[in-house]
Amino acid sequence: MGDVVTVSGQTWEKEVLKATGPVVVDFWAPWCGPCKMIAPVLADLAIDYEGKVKICKLNTDENPDIGSRYQIMGIPTLLFLKDGVAKDKIVGAAPKKQIQEKIDAFIAG
């Protein structure tokens, strides 16, 4: 069953940068209301796209260096990476349909 993988500074390179295939990283924090709103959506998408896209989450409070590296200015931000390179992002709590469309285009492109 597809799971959202929790990543940190210690696991970032292995889980995200060296991952085979596309990765979506949710930059979030525990105090962020909109982050809590999209968490179940991402859990559903991890199941829907199992084997096609790896979905991860990174707590920006605990890992500010990674957020800075990718110029994450607001959360939630979904960062789309392929072969360790950031290709696109969605800032804010987007509806499931919008995230699905972005993932579909990301897989196709």
N, C-alpha and C. Protein backbone atom coordinates (compact mmCIF):
# COMPACT_ATOMS: atom_id res chain seq x y z
N MET A 1 0.84 -1.19 0.00
CA MET A 1 0.00 0.00 0.00
C MET A 1 0.89 1.25 0.00
N GLY A 2 0.51 2.24 -0.77
CA GLY A 2 1.30 3.47 -0.87
C GLY A 2 1.29 4.25 0.42
N ASP A 3 2.45 4.73 0.78
CA ASP A 3 2.58 5.51 2.01
C ASP A 3 3.26 6.83 1.70
N VAL A 4 2.96 7.85 2.50
CA VAL A 4 3.69 9.10 2.46
C VAL A 4 4.93 8.89 3.32
N VAL A 5 6.10 9.12 2.75
CA VAL A 5 7.37 8.88 3.44
C VAL A 5 7.81 10.16 4.14
N THR A 6 8.05 10.07 5.43
CA THR A 6 8.56 11.22 6.18
C THR A 6 10.06 11.29 5.97
N VAL A 7 10.54 12.45 5.51
CA VAL A 7 11.97 12.63 5.27
C VAL A 7 12.52 13.74 6.17
N SER A 8 13.84 13.72 6.34
CA SER A 8 14.52 14.72 7.16
C SER A 8 15.84 15.05 6.48
N GLY A 9 16.60 15.91 7.11
CA GLY A 9 17.92 16.23 6.58
C GLY A 9 18.80 15.01 6.45
N GLN A 10 18.63 14.03 7.35
CA GLN A 10 19.44 12.82 7.33
C GLN A 10 19.04 11.88 6.19
N THR A 11 17.78 11.90 5.79
CA THR A 11 17.31 10.95 4.77
C THR A 11 17.03 11.60 3.43
N TRP A 12 17.16 12.94 3.34
CA TRP A 12 16.81 13.68 2.13
C TRP A 12 17.51 13.14 0.88
N GLU A 13 18.81 12.97 0.96
CA GLU A 13 19.55 12.53 -0.22
C GLU A 13 19.10 11.15 -0.68
N LYS A 14 19.00 10.21 0.24
CA LYS A 14 18.62 8.84 -0.11
C LYS A 14 17.17 8.76 -0.62
N GLU A 15 16.25 9.37 0.13
CA GLU A 15 14.83 9.22 -0.18
C GLU A 15 14.35 10.11 -1.33
N VAL A 16 14.97 11.27 -1.50
CA VAL A 16 14.49 12.24 -2.49
C VAL A 16 15.46 12.39 -3.66
N LEU A 17 16.69 12.80 -3.37
CA LEU A 17 17.63 13.11 -4.45
C LEU A 17 18.06 11.88 -5.24
N LYS A 18 18.16 10.73 -4.58
CA LYS A 18 18.60 9.52 -5.27
C LYS A 18 17.45 8.58 -5.59
N ALA A 19 16.22 9.04 -5.43
CA ALA A 19 15.06 8.21 -5.73
C ALA A 19 14.97 7.96 -7.23
N THR A 20 14.50 6.77 -7.56
CA THR A 20 14.26 6.49 -8.97
C THR A 20 12.82 6.91 -9.28
N GLY A 21 12.67 7.73 -10.30
CA GLY A 21 11.35 8.21 -10.67
C GLY A 21 11.00 9.51 -9.99
N PRO A 22 9.82 10.04 -10.31
CA PRO A 22 9.39 11.33 -9.79
C PRO A 22 9.08 11.28 -8.29
N VAL A 23 9.35 12.42 -7.63
CA VAL A 23 9.08 12.55 -6.19
C VAL A 23 8.33 13.86 -5.97
N VAL A 24 7.32 13.80 -5.11
CA VAL A 24 6.60 15.00 -4.66
C VAL A 24 6.88 15.14 -3.17
N VAL A 25 7.40 16.30 -2.77
CA VAL A 25 7.70 16.54 -1.36
C VAL A 25 6.76 17.62 -0.84
N ASP A 26 6.07 17.30 0.25
CA ASP A 26 5.19 18.23 0.95
C ASP A 26 6.01 18.91 2.05
N PHE A 27 6.28 20.20 1.89
CA PHE A 27 6.93 20.99 2.93
C PHE A 27 5.82 21.48 3.85
N TRP A 28 5.88 21.10 5.13
CA TRP A 28 4.79 21.36 6.06
C TRP A 28 5.35 21.66 7.46
N ALA A 29 4.46 22.02 8.38
CA ALA A 29 4.80 22.18 9.80
C ALA A 29 3.57 21.81 10.62
N PRO A 30 3.78 21.33 11.85
CA PRO A 30 2.66 20.85 12.67
C PRO A 30 1.64 21.94 13.01
N TRP A 31 2.05 23.21 13.07
CA TRP A 31 1.15 24.30 13.44
C TRP A 31 0.35 24.84 12.25
N CYS A 32 0.62 24.33 11.05
CA CYS A 32 0.04 24.87 9.81
C CYS A 32 -1.31 24.20 9.51
N GLY A 33 -2.39 24.98 9.63
CA GLY A 33 -3.74 24.47 9.35
C GLY A 33 -3.92 23.94 7.94
N PRO A 34 -3.55 24.71 6.90
CA PRO A 34 -3.68 24.21 5.54
C PRO A 34 -2.85 22.94 5.28
N CYS A 35 -1.72 22.80 5.99
CA CYS A 35 -0.90 21.59 5.85
C CYS A 35 -1.70 20.37 6.33
N LYS A 36 -2.42 20.55 7.44
CA LYS A 36 -3.25 19.46 7.98
C LYS A 36 -4.38 19.12 7.02
N MET A 37 -4.89 20.14 6.31
CA MET A 37 -5.98 19.91 5.36
C MET A 37 -5.56 19.04 4.18
N ILE A 38 -4.33 19.22 3.70
CA ILE A 38 -3.94 18.45 2.51
C ILE A 38 -3.29 17.10 2.86
N ALA A 39 -2.99 16.87 4.14
CA ALA A 39 -2.35 15.59 4.52
C ALA A 39 -3.16 14.37 4.09
N PRO A 40 -4.49 14.33 4.33
CA PRO A 40 -5.25 13.15 3.89
C PRO A 40 -5.32 13.04 2.36
N VAL A 41 -5.29 14.16 1.67
CA VAL A 41 -5.28 14.15 0.20
C VAL A 41 -3.99 13.50 -0.29
N LEU A 42 -2.87 13.87 0.31
CA LEU A 42 -1.59 13.29 -0.09
C LEU A 42 -1.53 11.80 0.24
N ALA A 43 -2.13 11.41 1.36
CA ALA A 43 -2.18 9.99 1.71
C ALA A 43 -2.96 9.20 0.64
N ASP A 44 -4.08 9.77 0.19
CA ASP A 44 -4.87 9.14 -0.89
C ASP A 44 -4.05 9.06 -2.18
N LEU A 45 -3.36 10.14 -2.51
CA LEU A 45 -2.58 10.18 -3.74
C LEU A 45 -1.40 9.19 -3.69
N ALA A 46 -0.84 8.98 -2.50
CA ALA A 46 0.24 8.00 -2.35
C ALA A 46 -0.26 6.61 -2.72
N ILE A 47 -1.51 6.33 -2.40
CA ILE A 47 -2.11 5.04 -2.77
C ILE A 47 -2.42 5.03 -4.27
N ASP A 48 -3.06 6.10 -4.75
CA ASP A 48 -3.46 6.17 -6.17
C ASP A 48 -2.27 6.07 -7.12
N TYR A 49 -1.14 6.64 -6.73
CA TYR A 49 0.02 6.72 -7.61
C TYR A 49 1.16 5.79 -7.17
N GLU A 50 0.83 4.80 -6.35
CA GLU A 50 1.86 3.86 -5.88
C GLU A 50 2.59 3.23 -7.08
N GLY A 51 3.90 3.24 -7.01
CA GLY A 51 4.71 2.68 -8.09
C GLY A 51 4.98 3.67 -9.22
N LYS A 52 4.32 4.83 -9.19
CA LYS A 52 4.51 5.84 -10.24
C LYS A 52 5.20 7.09 -9.71
N VAL A 53 4.81 7.50 -8.49
CA VAL A 53 5.35 8.71 -7.86
C VAL A 53 5.56 8.42 -6.38
N LYS A 54 6.69 8.87 -5.87
CA LYS A 54 6.96 8.76 -4.43
C LYS A 54 6.52 10.07 -3.78
N ILE A 55 5.69 9.97 -2.75
CA ILE A 55 5.23 11.17 -2.05
C ILE A 55 5.87 11.20 -0.66
N CYS A 56 6.53 12.32 -0.38
CA CYS A 56 7.24 12.50 0.88
C CYS A 56 6.75 13.76 1.58
N LYS A 57 7.05 13.84 2.88
CA LYS A 57 6.75 15.07 3.63
C LYS A 57 7.96 15.44 4.46
N LEU A 58 8.23 16.74 4.52
CA LEU A 58 9.37 17.26 5.25
C LEU A 58 8.91 18.38 6.18
N ASN A 59 9.16 18.23 7.47
CA ASN A 59 8.81 19.25 8.46
C ASN A 59 9.80 20.40 8.34
N THR A 60 9.32 21.57 7.91
CA THR A 60 10.22 22.70 7.68
C THR A 60 10.75 23.29 8.98
N ASP A 61 10.04 23.12 10.09
CA ASP A 61 10.54 23.61 11.37
C ASP A 61 11.78 22.83 11.80
N GLU A 62 11.78 21.53 11.52
CA GLU A 62 12.90 20.68 11.92
C GLU A 62 14.03 20.66 10.89
N ASN A 63 13.75 21.09 9.66
CA ASN A 63 14.72 21.04 8.57
C ASN A 63 14.74 22.34 7.77
N PRO A 64 15.03 23.47 8.41
CA PRO A 64 14.94 24.76 7.72
C PRO A 64 15.96 24.91 6.59
N ASP A 65 17.08 24.21 6.68
CA ASP A 65 18.11 24.31 5.65
C ASP A 65 17.61 23.80 4.30
N ILE A 66 16.82 22.74 4.31
CA ILE A 66 16.30 22.19 3.05
C ILE A 66 15.25 23.14 2.47
N GLY A 67 14.39 23.66 3.32
CA GLY A 67 13.41 24.65 2.85
C GLY A 67 14.08 25.85 2.23
N SER A 68 15.15 26.32 2.84
CA SER A 68 15.90 27.46 2.30
C SER A 68 16.54 27.12 0.96
N ARG A 69 17.10 25.92 0.87
CA ARG A 69 17.78 25.50 -0.36
C ARG A 69 16.83 25.54 -1.57
N TYR A 70 15.56 25.22 -1.33
CA TYR A 70 14.58 25.20 -2.43
C TYR A 70 13.68 26.43 -2.42
N GLN A 71 14.07 27.46 -1.68
CA GLN A 71 13.35 28.74 -1.62
C GLN A 71 11.87 28.56 -1.30
N ILE A 72 11.60 27.75 -0.29
CA ILE A 72 10.23 27.54 0.16
C ILE A 72 9.87 28.73 1.05
N MET A 73 8.96 29.56 0.57
CA MET A 73 8.60 30.79 1.28
C MET A 73 7.30 30.66 2.07
N GLY A 74 6.47 29.72 1.71
CA GLY A 74 5.20 29.52 2.39
C GLY A 74 4.87 28.04 2.42
N ILE A 75 4.11 27.63 3.41
CA ILE A 75 3.71 26.23 3.48
C ILE A 75 2.19 26.15 3.57
N PRO A 76 1.61 25.07 3.10
CA PRO A 76 2.28 23.96 2.46
C PRO A 76 2.80 24.32 1.06
N THR A 77 3.91 23.73 0.70
CA THR A 77 4.42 23.78 -0.66
C THR A 77 4.70 22.35 -1.10
N LEU A 78 4.20 22.00 -2.27
CA LEU A 78 4.50 20.70 -2.86
C LEU A 78 5.57 20.93 -3.91
N LEU A 79 6.70 20.28 -3.74
CA LEU A 79 7.83 20.41 -4.66
C LEU A 79 7.92 19.13 -5.48
N PHE A 80 7.98 19.28 -6.79
CA PHE A 80 8.04 18.14 -7.71
C PHE A 80 9.48 17.99 -8.20
N LEU A 81 10.09 16.84 -7.92
CA LEU A 81 11.48 16.60 -8.31
C LEU A 81 11.57 15.36 -9.20
N LYS A 82 12.49 15.42 -10.14
CA LYS A 82 12.79 14.26 -10.98
C LYS A 82 14.30 14.19 -11.09
N ASP A 83 14.85 13.01 -10.82
CA ASP A 83 16.30 12.80 -10.85
C ASP A 83 17.03 13.80 -9.95
N GLY A 84 16.42 14.11 -8.80
CA GLY A 84 17.04 15.00 -7.83
C GLY A 84 16.95 16.48 -8.15
N VAL A 85 16.25 16.83 -9.23
CA VAL A 85 16.16 18.23 -9.67
C VAL A 85 14.72 18.72 -9.50
N ALA A 86 14.57 19.88 -8.85
CA ALA A 86 13.24 20.48 -8.68
C ALA A 86 12.73 20.95 -10.03
N LYS A 87 11.53 20.50 -10.40
CA LYS A 87 10.96 20.84 -11.70
C LYS A 87 9.75 21.77 -11.62
N ASP A 88 9.00 21.69 -10.50
CA ASP A 88 7.78 22.47 -10.40
C ASP A 88 7.35 22.51 -8.94
N LYS A 89 6.38 23.36 -8.62
CA LYS A 89 5.85 23.40 -7.26
C LYS A 89 4.44 23.95 -7.25
N ILE A 90 3.73 23.62 -6.19
CA ILE A 90 2.42 24.19 -5.89
C ILE A 90 2.54 24.78 -4.49
N VAL A 91 2.19 26.07 -4.36
CA VAL A 91 2.22 26.72 -3.05
C VAL A 91 0.79 26.87 -2.56
N GLY A 92 0.55 26.43 -1.33
CA GLY A 92 -0.79 26.53 -0.75
C GLY A 92 -1.51 25.20 -0.78
N ALA A 93 -2.63 25.16 -0.08
CA ALA A 93 -3.42 23.94 0.02
C ALA A 93 -4.31 23.80 -1.23
N ALA A 94 -3.78 23.17 -2.24
CA ALA A 94 -4.51 22.99 -3.50
C ALA A 94 -5.52 21.85 -3.36
N PRO A 95 -6.62 21.90 -4.11
CA PRO A 95 -7.56 20.79 -4.11
C PRO A 95 -6.95 19.55 -4.76
N LYS A 96 -7.50 18.39 -4.40
CA LYS A 96 -6.97 17.11 -4.89
C LYS A 96 -6.88 17.08 -6.41
N LYS A 97 -7.92 17.57 -7.08
CA LYS A 97 -7.95 17.55 -8.55
C LYS A 97 -6.76 18.32 -9.14
N GLN A 98 -6.45 19.47 -8.58
CA GLN A 98 -5.32 20.27 -9.08
C GLN A 98 -3.99 19.53 -8.86
N ILE A 99 -3.85 18.89 -7.71
CA ILE A 99 -2.62 18.14 -7.43
C ILE A 99 -2.52 16.94 -8.38
N GLN A 100 -3.64 16.26 -8.60
CA GLN A 100 -3.65 15.12 -9.53
C GLN A 100 -3.25 15.56 -10.94
N GLU A 101 -3.79 16.67 -11.40
CA GLU A 101 -3.46 17.17 -12.74
C GLU A 101 -1.97 17.47 -12.85
N LYS A 102 -1.40 18.07 -11.81
CA LYS A 102 0.02 18.40 -11.80
C LYS A 102 0.86 17.12 -11.80
N ILE A 103 0.45 16.11 -10.99
CA ILE A 103 1.19 14.85 -10.97
C ILE A 103 1.10 14.15 -12.32
N ASP A 104 -0.08 14.14 -12.92
CA ASP A 104 -0.25 13.50 -14.23
C ASP A 104 0.65 14.15 -15.28
N ALA A 105 0.68 15.47 -15.28
CA ALA A 105 1.54 16.19 -16.24
C ALA A 105 3.01 15.92 -15.93
N PHE A 106 3.33 15.84 -14.66
CA PHE A 106 4.70 15.58 -14.21
C PHE A 106 5.19 14.20 -14.67
N ILE A 107 4.31 13.21 -14.52
CA ILE A 107 4.65 11.84 -14.95
C ILE A 107 4.83 11.80 -16.47
N ALA A 108 3.91 12.46 -17.18
CA ALA A 108 3.95 12.45 -18.64
C ALA A 108 5.15 13.20 -19.20
N GLY A 109 5.56 14.27 -18.50
CA GLY A 109 6.59 15.14 -19.02
C GLY A 109 7.96 14.71 -18.68
